Amino acid sequence: MSNFKNSPAGGKIQRPKLWLIDMDDTLYSASAKMFHDIHVLMDQYIIEHLALSPDQANQLRKDYWRRYGVTYYGLWLHHGIDPHDFLTETHKVDVSGIHTQGCMGQALADLPGIKVLFTNAPVAFADQVLAKLHLQECFAKQYRAEDMKVFGQWRPKPSAQMFRKILAEHHLLAHQCCLIDDNLFNLKVAKSVGLQTVLCKGWHHHKFNVIRQSLYVDAFISHIKDIQKILLEKKQARVKQHRPQFLNPYN
């Protein structure tokens, strides 16, 4: 289980109209044992459905996660594996050991704007986690693994197409939306679309030099409650910031 590490917040963002908020290692500590159990189930699923050795299955799972941000996208794209079946079978784990830090519910309630859960976790698993943390009522909308589709095609985070679909659904410009996530790759693609980006590093302990060199990270925090420290005043928010362009994994 990863331990929470409090550290100073840094950077600044304009106040967005919509917050896209990650779940694992952003809202709570993703239990090391729980995720180990998920990885074991994923390896076993790959062994059974693709007739690979344990080592080959483990390597394929990791390769697809690095390449696409989630394993199931690679299995669907290259092997025709049904994501619904894969996610259902690989997330039958015990969530009783997970925990959050401080008053997470109140921290979410204090965010000015629309709060949306944005996670690659499947619906049933996300529901269990939110129920355990008493955060079920904190979000106006939720995008879970099964919701990550554009024109019927799977487009999990960090798909640029999925970001654009969400913006269109909420009738917002890119800079009016902010992604809060612990994953630098997700933030990089979000920034390439034009979203504001906040790295949450309370449970995912990124080194400061890594953050400093990441031009696609507008600000960083340890806990959602720290958002208030990085919001620009209205008069400061008028200053236009130039942003770099980045390629994304599956446009």
C-alpha atoms as a PDB file:
ATOM      1  CA  MET A   1       0.000   0.000   0.000  1.00  0.00           C
ATOM      2  CA  SER A   2       1.448   3.365  -0.994  1.00  0.00           C
ATOM      3  CA  ASN A   3       1.831   5.928   1.763  1.00  0.00           C
ATOM      4  CA  PHE A   4       0.600   9.488   1.410  1.00  0.00           C
ATOM      5  CA  LYS A   5       3.389  12.046   1.125  1.00  0.00           C
ATOM      6  CA  ASN A   6       2.437  15.644   1.734  1.00  0.00           C
ATOM      7  CA  SER A   7       4.483  18.194  -0.225  1.00  0.00           C
ATOM      8  CA  PRO A   8       4.043  21.836  -1.284  1.00  0.00           C
ATOM      9  CA  ALA A   9       1.769  22.595  -4.220  1.00  0.00           C
ATOM     10  CA  GLY A  10       3.239  24.381  -7.240  1.00  0.00           C
ATOM     11  CA  GLY A  11       2.254  26.033 -10.499  1.00  0.00           C
ATOM     12  CA  LYS A  12      -0.980  27.816 -11.376  1.00  0.00           C
ATOM     13  CA  ILE A  13      -4.162  27.155 -13.362  1.00  0.00           C
ATOM     14  CA  GLN A  14      -7.147  29.206 -14.350  1.00  0.00           C
ATOM     15  CA  ARG A  15     -10.404  28.248 -12.692  1.00  0.00           C
ATOM     16  CA  PRO A  16     -12.000  25.680 -15.049  1.00  0.00           C
ATOM     17  CA  LYS A  17     -15.683  25.040 -15.567  1.00  0.00           C
ATOM     18  CA  LEU A  18     -15.171  21.274 -15.522  1.00  0.00           C
ATOM     19  CA  TRP A  19     -12.784  19.023 -13.616  1.00  0.00           C
ATOM     20  CA  LEU A  20     -11.876  15.580 -14.972  1.00  0.00           C
ATOM     21  CA  ILE A  21     -10.681  13.670 -11.915  1.00  0.00           C
ATOM     22  CA  ASP A  22      -8.776  10.395 -11.952  1.00  0.00           C
ATOM     23  CA  MET A  23      -9.501   7.737  -9.320  1.00  0.00           C
ATOM     24  CA  ASP A  24      -6.578   5.378  -8.554  1.00  0.00           C
ATOM     25  CA  ASP A  25      -3.754   7.085  -6.633  1.00  0.00           C
ATOM     26  CA  THR A  26      -5.570  10.401  -7.010  1.00  0.00           C
ATOM     27  CA  LEU A  27      -8.618   9.956  -4.777  1.00  0.00           C
ATOM     28  CA  TYR A  28      -7.168   7.143  -2.699  1.00  0.00           C
ATOM     29  CA  SER A  29      -4.134   4.957  -2.140  1.00  0.00           C
ATOM     30  CA  ALA A  30      -4.277   2.124  -4.643  1.00  0.00           C
ATOM     31  CA  SER A  31      -3.388  -0.889  -2.517  1.00  0.00           C
ATOM     32  CA  ALA A  32      -0.247  -2.599  -3.770  1.00  0.00           C
ATOM     33  CA  LYS A  33      -1.730  -6.009  -2.929  1.00  0.00           C
ATOM     34  CA  MET A  34      -5.013  -5.232  -4.653  1.00  0.00           C
ATOM     35  CA  PHE A  35      -3.299  -4.154  -7.862  1.00  0.00           C
ATOM     36  CA  HIS A  36      -0.964  -7.125  -7.676  1.00  0.00           C
ATOM     37  CA  ASP A  37      -4.057  -9.351  -7.529  1.00  0.00           C
ATOM     38  CA  ILE A  38      -5.499  -7.572 -10.587  1.00  0.00           C
ATOM     39  CA  HIS A  39      -2.264  -8.063 -12.519  1.00  0.00           C
ATOM     40  CA  VAL A  40      -2.216 -11.761 -11.629  1.00  0.00           C
ATOM     41  CA  LEU A  41      -5.781 -12.138 -12.907  1.00  0.00           C
ATOM     42  CA  MET A  42      -4.873 -10.252 -16.093  1.00  0.00           C
ATOM     43  CA  ASP A  43      -1.887 -12.512 -16.731  1.00  0.00           C
ATOM     44  CA  GLN A  44      -4.030 -15.584 -16.166  1.00  0.00           C
ATOM     45  CA  TYR A  45      -6.703 -14.302 -18.558  1.00  0.00           C
ATOM     46  CA  ILE A  46      -4.081 -13.670 -21.258  1.00  0.00           C
ATOM     47  CA  ILE A  47      -2.556 -17.123 -20.731  1.00  0.00           C
ATOM     48  CA  GLU A  48      -5.933 -18.805 -21.147  1.00  0.00           C
ATOM     49  CA  HIS A  49      -7.208 -16.771 -24.105  1.00  0.00           C
ATOM     50  CA  LEU A  50      -4.004 -16.295 -26.115  1.00  0.00           C
ATOM     51  CA  ALA A  51      -2.236 -19.549 -25.231  1.00  0.00           C
ATOM     52  CA  LEU A  52       0.908 -17.778 -24.011  1.00  0.00           C
ATOM     53  CA  SER A  53       3.399 -18.750 -21.341  1.00  0.00           C
ATOM     54  CA  PRO A  54       3.259 -16.937 -17.979  1.00  0.00           C
ATOM     55  CA  ASP A  55       6.318 -14.846 -18.873  1.00  0.00           C
ATOM     56  CA  GLN A  56       4.905 -13.939 -22.292  1.00  0.00           C
ATOM     57  CA  ALA A  57       1.557 -12.978 -20.782  1.00  0.00           C
ATOM     58  CA  ASN A  58       3.198 -10.801 -18.143  1.00  0.00           C
ATOM     59  CA  GLN A  59       5.330  -9.040 -20.760  1.00  0.00           C
ATOM     60  CA  LEU A  60       2.379  -8.486 -23.101  1.00  0.00           C
ATOM     61  CA  ARG A  61       0.306  -6.965 -20.289  1.00  0.00           C
ATOM     62  CA  LYS A  62       3.099  -4.545 -19.435  1.00  0.00           C
ATOM     63  CA  ASP A  63       3.824  -3.682 -23.069  1.00  0.00           C
ATOM     64  CA  TYR A  64       0.208  -2.785 -23.819  1.00  0.00           C
ATOM     65  CA  TRP A  65      -0.071  -0.754 -20.618  1.00  0.00           C
ATOM     66  CA  ARG A  66       3.022   1.272 -21.545  1.00  0.00           C
ATOM     67  CA  ARG A  67       1.889   1.723 -25.146  1.00  0.00           C
ATOM     68  CA  TYR A  68      -1.792   2.524 -24.653  1.00  0.00           C
ATOM     69  CA  GLY A  69      -2.225   3.433 -20.994  1.00  0.00           C
ATOM     70  CA  VAL A  70      -4.396   0.346 -20.405  1.00  0.00           C
ATOM     71  CA  THR A  71      -3.872  -3.326 -21.192  1.00  0.00           C
ATOM     72  CA  TYR A  72      -7.378  -4.035 -22.424  1.00  0.00           C
ATOM     73  CA  TYR A  73      -7.108  -1.612 -25.339  1.00  0.00           C
ATOM     74  CA  GLY A  74      -4.154  -3.506 -26.800  1.00  0.00           C
ATOM     75  CA  LEU A  75      -5.891  -6.853 -26.284  1.00  0.00           C
ATOM     76  CA  TRP A  76      -9.010  -5.555 -28.035  1.00  0.00           C
ATOM     77  CA  LEU A  77      -7.119  -3.837 -30.855  1.00  0.00           C
ATOM     78  CA  HIS A  78      -4.645  -6.614 -31.685  1.00  0.00           C
ATOM     79  CA  HIS A  79      -6.352  -9.803 -30.508  1.00  0.00           C
ATOM     80  CA  GLY A  80     -10.090  -9.140 -30.583  1.00  0.00           C
ATOM     81  CA  ILE A  81     -10.476  -9.697 -26.841  1.00  0.00           C
ATOM     82  CA  ASP A  82     -13.834  -8.433 -25.494  1.00  0.00           C
ATOM     83  CA  PRO A  83     -13.000  -5.607 -23.023  1.00  0.00           C
ATOM     84  CA  HIS A  84     -16.228  -6.201 -21.056  1.00  0.00           C
ATOM     85  CA  ASP A  85     -15.281  -9.816 -20.380  1.00  0.00           C
ATOM     86  CA  PHE A  86     -11.632  -9.010 -19.670  1.00  0.00           C
ATOM     87  CA  LEU A  87     -12.439  -6.217 -17.218  1.00  0.00           C
ATOM     88  CA  THR A  88     -15.135  -8.219 -15.454  1.00  0.00           C
ATOM     89  CA  GLU A  89     -12.907 -11.236 -14.919  1.00  0.00           C
ATOM     90  CA  THR A  90      -9.791  -9.315 -13.873  1.00  0.00           C
ATOM     91  CA  HIS A  91     -11.307  -6.915 -11.311  1.00  0.00           C
ATOM     92  CA  LYS A  92     -12.862  -9.436  -8.941  1.00  0.00           C
ATOM     93  CA  VAL A  93     -10.682  -8.284  -6.048  1.00  0.00           C
ATOM     94  CA  ASP A  94     -11.102  -7.185  -2.454  1.00  0.00           C
ATOM     95  CA  VAL A  95     -11.234  -3.386  -2.053  1.00  0.00           C
ATOM     96  CA  SER A  96     -11.703  -3.420   1.725  1.00  0.00           C
ATOM     97  CA  GLY A  97      -8.074  -2.444   2.357  1.00  0.00           C
ATOM     98  CA  ILE A  98      -8.077   0.818   0.406  1.00  0.00           C
ATOM     99  CA  HIS A  99      -8.011   4.202   2.126  1.00  0.00           C
ATOM    100  CA  THR A 100      -7.934   7.888   1.363  1.00  0.00           C
ATOM    101  CA  GLN A 101      -6.358  10.852   3.134  1.00  0.00           C
ATOM    102  CA  GLY A 102      -8.078  13.677   4.982  1.00  0.00           C
ATOM    103  CA  CYS A 103     -11.615  14.781   4.141  1.00  0.00           C
ATOM    104  CA  MET A 104     -11.653  13.843   0.450  1.00  0.00           C
ATOM    105  CA  GLY A 105     -15.418  14.277   0.118  1.00  0.00           C
ATOM    106  CA  GLN A 106     -15.275  17.819   1.436  1.00  0.00           C
ATOM    107  CA  ALA A 107     -12.250  18.616  -0.746  1.00  0.00           C
ATOM    108  CA  LEU A 108     -14.219  17.557  -3.833  1.00  0.00           C
ATOM    109  CA  ALA A 109     -17.278  19.520  -2.704  1.00  0.00           C
ATOM    110  CA  ASP A 110     -15.139  22.653  -2.328  1.00  0.00           C
ATOM    111  CA  LEU A 111     -13.918  22.535  -5.940  1.00  0.00           C
ATOM    112  CA  PRO A 112     -15.619  25.334  -7.903  1.00  0.00           C
ATOM    113  CA  GLY A 113     -17.213  23.877 -11.026  1.00  0.00           C
ATOM    114  CA  ILE A 114     -18.488  20.561 -12.348  1.00  0.00           C
ATOM    115  CA  LYS A 115     -16.729  17.460 -10.999  1.00  0.00           C
ATOM    116  CA  VAL A 116     -16.504  14.422 -13.300  1.00  0.00           C
ATOM    117  CA  LEU A 117     -14.876  11.091 -12.497  1.00  0.00           C
ATOM    118  CA  PHE A 118     -12.552  10.024 -15.331  1.00  0.00           C
ATOM    119  CA  THR A 119     -11.084   6.565 -14.825  1.00  0.00           C
ATOM    120  CA  ASN A 120     -10.147   3.540 -16.908  1.00  0.00           C
ATOM    121  CA  ALA A 121     -11.470   1.288 -14.141  1.00  0.00           C
ATOM    122  CA  PRO A 122     -14.590  -0.745 -14.989  1.00  0.00           C
ATOM    123  CA  VAL A 123     -17.989   0.339 -13.652  1.00  0.00           C
ATOM    124  CA  ALA A 124     -18.404  -2.380 -11.012  1.00  0.00           C
ATOM    125  CA  PHE A 125     -14.903  -1.816  -9.610  1.00  0.00           C
ATOM    126  CA  ALA A 126     -15.271   1.985  -9.584  1.00  0.00           C
ATOM    127  CA  ASP A 127     -18.614   1.656  -7.782  1.00  0.00           C
ATOM    128  CA  GLN A 128     -17.012  -0.522  -5.098  1.00  0.00           C
ATOM    129  CA  VAL A 129     -14.142   1.920  -4.583  1.00  0.00           C
ATOM    130  CA  LEU A 130     -16.380   4.994  -4.385  1.00  0.00           C
ATOM    131  CA  ALA A 131     -18.738   3.233  -1.966  1.00  0.00           C
ATOM    132  CA  LYS A 132     -15.839   2.202   0.275  1.00  0.00           C
ATOM    133  CA  LEU A 133     -14.580   5.812   0.317  1.00  0.00           C
ATOM    134  CA  HIS A 134     -18.095   7.336   0.642  1.00  0.00           C
ATOM    135  CA  LEU A 135     -17.595   9.402  -2.511  1.00  0.00           C
ATOM    136  CA  GLN A 136     -20.574   8.145  -4.567  1.00  0.00           C
ATOM    137  CA  GLU A 137     -22.373  11.508  -4.516  1.00  0.00           C
ATOM    138  CA  CYS A 138     -19.356  13.701  -5.306  1.00  0.00           C
ATOM    139  CA  PHE A 139     -19.536  13.619  -9.107  1.00  0.00           C
ATOM    140  CA  ALA A 140     -22.020  15.105 -11.558  1.00  0.00           C
ATOM    141  CA  LYS A 141     -21.022  12.462 -14.116  1.00  0.00           C
ATOM    142  CA  GLN A 142     -18.708   9.484 -14.355  1.00  0.00           C
ATOM    143  CA  TYR A 143     -16.688   8.148 -17.284  1.00  0.00           C
ATOM    144  CA  ARG A 144     -15.538   4.588 -16.550  1.00  0.00           C
ATOM    145  CA  ALA A 145     -13.952   1.976 -18.818  1.00  0.00           C
ATOM    146  CA  GLU A 146     -17.242   0.975 -20.421  1.00  0.00           C
ATOM    147  CA  ASP A 147     -17.997   4.634 -21.200  1.00  0.00           C
ATOM    148  CA  MET A 148     -14.722   5.201 -23.051  1.00  0.00           C
ATOM    149  CA  LYS A 149     -16.004   4.910 -26.609  1.00  0.00           C
ATOM    150  CA  VAL A 150     -16.061   7.289 -29.576  1.00  0.00           C
ATOM    151  CA  PHE A 151     -18.318   6.332 -32.507  1.00  0.00           C
ATOM    152  CA  GLY A 152     -18.562   2.843 -31.038  1.00  0.00           C
ATOM    153  CA  GLN A 153     -14.782   2.347 -30.879  1.00  0.00           C
ATOM    154  CA  TRP A 154     -12.941   1.901 -27.580  1.00  0.00           C
ATOM    155  CA  ARG A 155     -10.969   5.035 -26.690  1.00  0.00           C
ATOM    156  CA  PRO A 156      -9.732   4.763 -23.081  1.00  0.00           C
ATOM    157  CA  LYS A 157      -7.730   7.448 -21.350  1.00  0.00           C
ATOM    158  CA  PRO A 158      -5.462   9.018 -22.600  1.00  0.00           C
ATOM    159  CA  SER A 159      -7.243   9.067 -25.971  1.00  0.00           C
ATOM    160  CA  ALA A 160      -7.298  12.569 -27.466  1.00  0.00           C
ATOM    161  CA  GLN A 161     -10.569  11.643 -29.183  1.00  0.00           C
ATOM    162  CA  MET A 162     -12.157  10.850 -25.828  1.00  0.00           C
ATOM    163  CA  PHE A 163     -11.063  14.193 -24.405  1.00  0.00           C
ATOM    164  CA  ARG A 164     -12.613  15.980 -27.393  1.00  0.00           C
ATOM    165  CA  LYS A 165     -15.836  13.987 -27.038  1.00  0.00           C
ATOM    166  CA  ILE A 166     -16.174  15.065 -23.408  1.00  0.00           C
ATOM    167  CA  LEU A 167     -15.569  18.696 -24.322  1.00  0.00           C
ATOM    168  CA  ALA A 168     -18.259  18.482 -27.010  1.00  0.00           C
ATOM    169  CA  GLU A 169     -20.744  16.811 -24.644  1.00  0.00           C
ATOM    170  CA  HIS A 170     -20.293  19.608 -22.116  1.00  0.00           C
ATOM    171  CA  HIS A 171     -20.118  22.400 -24.745  1.00  0.00           C
ATOM    172  CA  LEU A 172     -16.768  23.614 -23.469  1.00  0.00           C
ATOM    173  CA  LEU A 173     -13.516  24.860 -24.938  1.00  0.00           C
ATOM    174  CA  ALA A 174     -10.418  22.854 -24.035  1.00  0.00           C
ATOM    175  CA  HIS A 175      -8.951  25.455 -21.663  1.00  0.00           C
ATOM    176  CA  GLN A 176     -12.215  25.448 -19.687  1.00  0.00           C
ATOM    177  CA  CYS A 177     -11.501  21.885 -18.582  1.00  0.00           C
ATOM    178  CA  CYS A 178      -8.794  20.579 -16.244  1.00  0.00           C
ATOM    179  CA  LEU A 179      -7.511  17.012 -15.820  1.00  0.00           C
ATOM    180  CA  ILE A 180      -6.295  15.967 -12.362  1.00  0.00           C
ATOM    181  CA  ASP A 181      -4.301  12.737 -12.631  1.00  0.00           C
ATOM    182  CA  ASP A 182      -1.280  10.943 -11.168  1.00  0.00           C
ATOM    183  CA  ASN A 183      -0.131   9.694 -14.592  1.00  0.00           C
ATOM    184  CA  LEU A 184       2.200  11.949 -16.583  1.00  0.00           C
ATOM    185  CA  PHE A 185       1.321  10.280 -19.900  1.00  0.00           C
ATOM    186  CA  ASN A 186      -2.381  11.052 -19.397  1.00  0.00           C
ATOM    187  CA  LEU A 187      -1.542  14.674 -18.605  1.00  0.00           C
ATOM    188  CA  LYS A 188       0.702  14.956 -21.658  1.00  0.00           C
ATOM    189  CA  VAL A 189      -2.067  13.941 -24.061  1.00  0.00           C
ATOM    190  CA  ALA A 190      -4.619  16.132 -22.262  1.00  0.00           C
ATOM    191  CA  LYS A 191      -2.288  19.112 -22.643  1.00  0.00           C
ATOM    192  CA  SER A 192      -1.845  18.401 -26.355  1.00  0.00           C
ATOM    193  CA  VAL A 193      -5.627  18.776 -26.716  1.00  0.00           C
ATOM    194  CA  GLY A 194      -5.518  22.061 -24.816  1.00  0.00           C
ATOM    195  CA  LEU A 195      -6.776  21.075 -21.375  1.00  0.00           C
ATOM    196  CA  GLN A 196      -5.272  22.445 -18.209  1.00  0.00           C
ATOM    197  CA  THR A 197      -3.376  19.800 -16.252  1.00  0.00           C
ATOM    198  CA  VAL A 198      -2.729  19.100 -12.570  1.00  0.00           C
ATOM    199  CA  LEU A 199      -0.465  16.302 -11.365  1.00  0.00           C
ATOM    200  CA  CYS A 200      -1.648  14.681  -8.125  1.00  0.00           C
ATOM    201  CA  LYS A 201       1.415  13.142  -6.493  1.00  0.00           C
ATOM    202  CA  GLY A 202       0.428  12.421  -2.893  1.00  0.00           C
ATOM    203  CA  TRP A 203       0.430   8.662  -3.449  1.00  0.00           C
ATOM    204  CA  HIS A 204       2.449   8.503  -6.661  1.00  0.00           C
ATOM    205  CA  HIS A 205       5.769   9.966  -5.594  1.00  0.00           C
ATOM    206  CA  HIS A 206       7.164  11.639  -8.711  1.00  0.00           C
ATOM    207  CA  LYS A 207      10.565  13.243  -8.309  1.00  0.00           C
ATOM    208  CA  PHE A 208      10.582  17.042  -8.493  1.00  0.00           C
ATOM    209  CA  ASN A 209      13.044  17.106 -11.397  1.00  0.00           C
ATOM    210  CA  VAL A 210      10.652  14.973 -13.432  1.00  0.00           C
ATOM    211  CA  ILE A 211       7.797  17.380 -12.749  1.00  0.00           C
ATOM    212  CA  ARG A 212       9.894  20.466 -13.430  1.00  0.00           C
ATOM    213  CA  GLN A 213      10.873  19.154 -16.863  1.00  0.00           C
ATOM    214  CA  SER A 214       7.279  18.219 -17.763  1.00  0.00           C
ATOM    215  CA  LEU A 215       6.057  21.238 -19.710  1.00  0.00           C
ATOM    216  CA  TYR A 216       2.635  19.649 -20.010  1.00  0.00           C
ATOM    217  CA  VAL A 217       2.054  19.851 -16.221  1.00  0.00           C
ATOM    218  CA  ASP A 218       0.527  23.238 -15.348  1.00  0.00           C
ATOM    219  CA  ALA A 219       0.493  22.602 -11.603  1.00  0.00           C
ATOM    220  CA  PHE A 220       1.034  19.854  -9.040  1.00  0.00           C
ATOM    221  CA  ILE A 221      -0.579  18.986  -5.718  1.00  0.00           C
ATOM    222  CA  SER A 222      -0.496  16.264  -3.088  1.00  0.00           C
ATOM    223  CA  HIS A 223      -4.216  16.238  -2.280  1.00  0.00           C
ATOM    224  CA  ILE A 224      -7.393  17.541  -3.915  1.00  0.00           C
ATOM    225  CA  LYS A 225      -7.747  20.057  -1.081  1.00  0.00           C
ATOM    226  CA  ASP A 226      -4.570  21.757  -2.354  1.00  0.00           C
ATOM    227  CA  ILE A 227      -6.336  22.895  -5.535  1.00  0.00           C
ATOM    228  CA  GLN A 228      -7.283  26.158  -3.833  1.00  0.00           C
ATOM    229  CA  LYS A 229      -3.553  26.994  -3.581  1.00  0.00           C
ATOM    230  CA  ILE A 230      -2.947  26.812  -7.343  1.00  0.00           C
ATOM    231  CA  LEU A 231      -5.978  28.697  -8.679  1.00  0.00           C
ATOM    232  CA  LEU A 232      -5.149  32.017 -10.303  1.00  0.00           C
ATOM    233  CA  GLU A 233      -7.010  35.123  -9.259  1.00  0.00           C
ATOM    234  CA  LYS A 234      -9.367  36.398 -11.956  1.00  0.00           C
ATOM    235  CA  LYS A 235      -7.093  39.271 -12.982  1.00  0.00           C
ATOM    236  CA  GLN A 236      -4.135  36.879 -13.303  1.00  0.00           C
ATOM    237  CA  ALA A 237      -6.159  34.419 -15.364  1.00  0.00           C
ATOM    238  CA  ARG A 238      -6.284  36.875 -18.264  1.00  0.00           C
ATOM    239  CA  VAL A 239      -2.595  36.284 -19.023  1.00  0.00           C
ATOM    240  CA  LYS A 240      -2.382  33.968 -22.030  1.00  0.00           C
ATOM    241  CA  GLN A 241       0.056  31.096 -21.705  1.00  0.00           C
ATOM    242  CA  HIS A 242       1.768  29.415 -24.649  1.00  0.00           C
ATOM    243  CA  ARG A 243       1.718  25.645 -24.592  1.00  0.00           C
ATOM    244  CA  PRO A 244       3.814  23.055 -26.434  1.00  0.00           C
ATOM    245  CA  GLN A 245       2.296  20.614 -28.909  1.00  0.00           C
ATOM    246  CA  PHE A 246       2.663  16.883 -28.404  1.00  0.00           C
ATOM    247  CA  LEU A 247       1.829  13.815 -30.400  1.00  0.00           C
ATOM    248  CA  ASN A 248      -0.716  11.479 -28.835  1.00  0.00           C
ATOM    249  CA  PRO A 249      -0.836   7.650 -28.909  1.00  0.00           C
ATOM    250  CA  TYR A 250      -4.071   7.123 -30.852  1.00  0.00           C
ATOM    251  CA  ASN A 251      -5.560  10.266 -32.290  1.00  0.00           C
END
